[in-house]
Amino acid sequence: MTPELRELYQEVILDHGKRPRNFRTMAESTHHAEGFNPLCGDKVHLKLVVQDGIIQEAAFTGHGCAISTASASMMTEMLKGMDMTHATELAAKVRALVGGNDEEAAAVREEVGKLSVFSGVRDYPARVKCAILVWHTLLSALGNGSNKPISTE
């Protein structure tokens, strides 16, 4: 990772970690899911309002480390106005960026836009699950969720 990207990664994680966007309770939703990382205790509850296949609203609650919170914050910002198919594809790309091999990460880096800052997590393997927890939770929510939380294990 270049020094410039590392600095941007740190700035973005701190900003979204301290001031998460869309961190709020949403009374009504059409899609929801919970995610849990038992290794570090990160928990997220994601709610979406989807109309005609388009995500109109996204919000999350829970608690977690700065990486987990920043990932949820940035994800919910990007989802608004996105169709469910594109959101599912974006989740796969972020998972490849953060947890895939170098070739997979390089292939999607430009396609994920500002989420590319999460490529810095690759330098900290123990934190990969922190960054992708909310993306697993999104996939569950888009599949209409289940009654039990999604786990990173």
Protein backbone atom coordinates (compact mmCIF):
# COMPACT_ATOMS: atom_id res chain seq x y z
CA MET A 1 0.00 0.00 0.00
CA THR A 2 1.31 3.42 -0.89
CA PRO A 3 1.90 5.91 1.94
CA GLU A 4 -0.83 8.12 0.48
CA LEU A 5 -3.39 5.31 0.49
CA ARG A 6 -2.36 4.29 4.03
CA GLU A 7 -2.90 7.86 5.24
CA LEU A 8 -6.28 8.06 3.49
CA TYR A 9 -7.24 4.68 4.99
CA GLN A 10 -6.46 5.93 8.48
CA GLU A 11 -8.33 9.21 7.95
CA VAL A 12 -11.44 7.54 6.55
CA ILE A 13 -11.56 4.84 9.23
CA LEU A 14 -11.20 7.44 11.99
CA ASP A 15 -13.79 9.77 10.48
CA HIS A 16 -16.46 7.12 9.90
CA GLY A 17 -15.56 5.31 13.11
CA LYS A 18 -16.07 8.43 15.23
CA ARG A 19 -18.98 9.90 13.24
CA PRO A 20 -20.76 7.01 11.54
CA ARG A 21 -23.32 7.92 8.93
CA ASN A 22 -26.73 6.23 9.09
CA PHE A 23 -26.13 4.94 12.62
CA ARG A 24 -29.66 5.04 13.90
CA THR A 25 -32.70 2.99 14.67
CA MET A 26 -35.11 2.67 11.79
CA ALA A 27 -38.66 1.87 12.89
CA GLU A 28 -39.77 0.10 9.74
CA SER A 29 -37.80 -1.85 7.18
CA THR A 30 -38.47 -4.30 4.39
CA HIS A 31 -35.19 -6.17 4.82
CA HIS A 32 -33.01 -6.69 7.87
CA ALA A 33 -30.33 -8.93 9.32
CA GLU A 34 -27.97 -9.13 12.25
CA GLY A 35 -24.27 -9.89 12.11
CA PHE A 36 -21.86 -10.96 14.82
CA ASN A 37 -18.10 -11.46 14.95
CA PRO A 38 -17.50 -13.75 17.94
CA LEU A 39 -13.73 -13.23 17.85
CA CYS A 40 -13.89 -9.54 18.72
CA GLY A 41 -17.51 -8.99 19.72
CA ASP A 42 -18.55 -6.72 16.83
CA LYS A 43 -22.34 -6.73 16.38
CA VAL A 44 -24.39 -5.02 13.70
CA HIS A 45 -28.10 -4.84 12.98
CA LEU A 46 -28.77 -3.67 9.43
CA LYS A 47 -32.14 -2.43 8.22
CA LEU A 48 -33.07 -1.57 4.64
CA VAL A 49 -36.11 -0.14 2.92
CA VAL A 50 -36.33 -1.63 -0.57
CA GLN A 51 -38.98 -0.57 -3.09
CA ASP A 52 -39.18 -2.03 -6.56
CA GLY A 53 -35.75 -3.62 -6.12
CA ILE A 54 -34.06 -0.31 -5.21
CA ILE A 55 -32.59 0.34 -1.76
CA GLN A 56 -34.27 3.55 -0.67
CA GLU A 57 -32.94 3.69 2.89
CA ALA A 58 -30.23 1.96 4.92
CA ALA A 59 -29.37 2.24 8.60
CA PHE A 60 -27.48 0.27 11.20
CA THR A 61 -27.10 -0.05 14.94
CA GLY A 62 -24.77 -2.08 17.08
CA HIS A 63 -21.28 -1.81 18.44
CA GLY A 64 -17.87 -2.62 17.14
CA CYS A 65 -14.37 -1.45 16.45
CA ALA A 66 -13.58 1.54 14.26
CA ILE A 67 -13.06 -0.65 11.18
CA SER A 68 -16.40 -2.41 11.58
CA THR A 69 -18.24 0.84 12.23
CA ALA A 70 -16.54 2.63 9.33
CA SER A 71 -17.36 -0.23 6.97
CA ALA A 72 -21.04 -0.13 7.98
CA SER A 73 -21.12 3.66 7.70
CA MET A 74 -19.62 3.74 4.23
CA MET A 75 -21.70 0.81 3.03
CA THR A 76 -24.99 2.37 4.08
CA GLU A 77 -24.02 5.62 2.35
CA MET A 78 -23.33 3.83 -0.90
CA LEU A 79 -26.41 1.60 -0.86
CA LYS A 80 -29.01 4.34 -1.08
CA GLY A 81 -30.44 4.38 -4.59
CA MET A 82 -28.67 1.15 -5.57
CA ASP A 83 -30.55 -1.83 -6.95
CA MET A 84 -30.32 -5.11 -5.05
CA THR A 85 -28.33 -6.86 -7.78
CA HIS A 86 -25.68 -4.14 -7.82
CA ALA A 87 -25.54 -4.18 -4.00
CA THR A 88 -24.94 -7.94 -4.04
CA GLU A 89 -22.19 -7.52 -6.64
CA LEU A 90 -20.60 -4.71 -4.61
CA ALA A 91 -20.54 -6.93 -1.52
CA ALA A 92 -18.67 -9.63 -3.45
CA LYS A 93 -16.17 -7.06 -4.73
CA VAL A 94 -15.52 -5.65 -1.26
CA ARG A 95 -15.01 -9.14 0.09
CA ALA A 96 -12.48 -9.79 -2.71
CA LEU A 97 -10.78 -6.46 -2.03
CA VAL A 98 -10.38 -7.07 1.68
CA GLY A 99 -10.13 -10.84 1.97
CA GLY A 100 -9.14 -12.12 -1.45
CA ASN A 101 -5.72 -12.75 -2.87
CA ASP A 102 -3.64 -9.93 -4.35
CA GLU A 103 -4.88 -10.58 -7.89
CA GLU A 104 -8.55 -10.53 -6.82
CA ALA A 105 -8.04 -7.34 -4.82
CA ALA A 106 -6.28 -5.57 -7.68
CA ALA A 107 -9.05 -6.56 -10.10
CA VAL A 108 -11.79 -4.84 -8.09
CA ARG A 109 -9.92 -1.92 -6.48
CA GLU A 110 -11.13 0.68 -8.99
CA GLU A 111 -14.64 -0.78 -9.20
CA VAL A 112 -15.43 -0.21 -5.52
CA GLY A 113 -14.77 3.54 -5.55
CA LYS A 114 -14.09 5.10 -2.18
CA LEU A 115 -14.37 1.70 -0.52
CA SER A 116 -10.90 0.98 -1.93
CA VAL A 117 -9.49 2.50 1.26
CA PHE A 118 -10.41 -0.79 2.95
CA SER A 119 -7.65 -2.49 0.97
CA GLY A 120 -5.50 -1.33 3.90
CA VAL A 121 -7.17 -3.94 6.08
CA ARG A 122 -5.32 -6.59 4.08
CA ASP A 123 -2.20 -5.58 6.01
CA TYR A 124 -3.92 -6.68 9.24
CA PRO A 125 -5.36 -10.18 8.64
CA ALA A 126 -6.97 -10.33 12.08
CA ARG A 127 -9.09 -7.29 11.12
CA VAL A 128 -10.45 -8.60 7.81
CA LYS A 129 -13.56 -10.00 9.48
CA CYS A 130 -14.17 -6.61 11.11
CA ALA A 131 -14.35 -4.97 7.68
CA ILE A 132 -16.52 -7.59 5.97
CA LEU A 133 -18.99 -8.39 8.76
CA VAL A 134 -21.49 -5.79 7.57
CA TRP A 135 -21.18 -7.00 3.97
CA HIS A 136 -22.09 -10.56 5.01
CA THR A 137 -24.97 -9.03 6.94
CA LEU A 138 -26.09 -7.14 3.82
CA LEU A 139 -26.18 -10.35 1.79
CA SER A 140 -28.33 -11.96 4.45
CA ALA A 141 -30.67 -8.96 4.55
CA LEU A 142 -31.04 -8.95 0.77
CA GLY A 143 -31.93 -12.62 0.96
CA ASN A 144 -34.61 -11.57 3.49
CA GLY A 145 -32.39 -12.56 6.40
CA SER A 146 -32.78 -15.34 8.86
CA ASN A 147 -33.84 -15.52 12.47
CA LYS A 148 -30.29 -15.93 13.75
CA PRO A 149 -27.37 -13.52 13.41
CA ILE A 150 -24.88 -14.03 10.62
CA SER A 151 -21.48 -14.94 12.00
CA THR A 152 -18.01 -14.39 10.57
CA GLU A 153 -17.09 -17.87 11.82
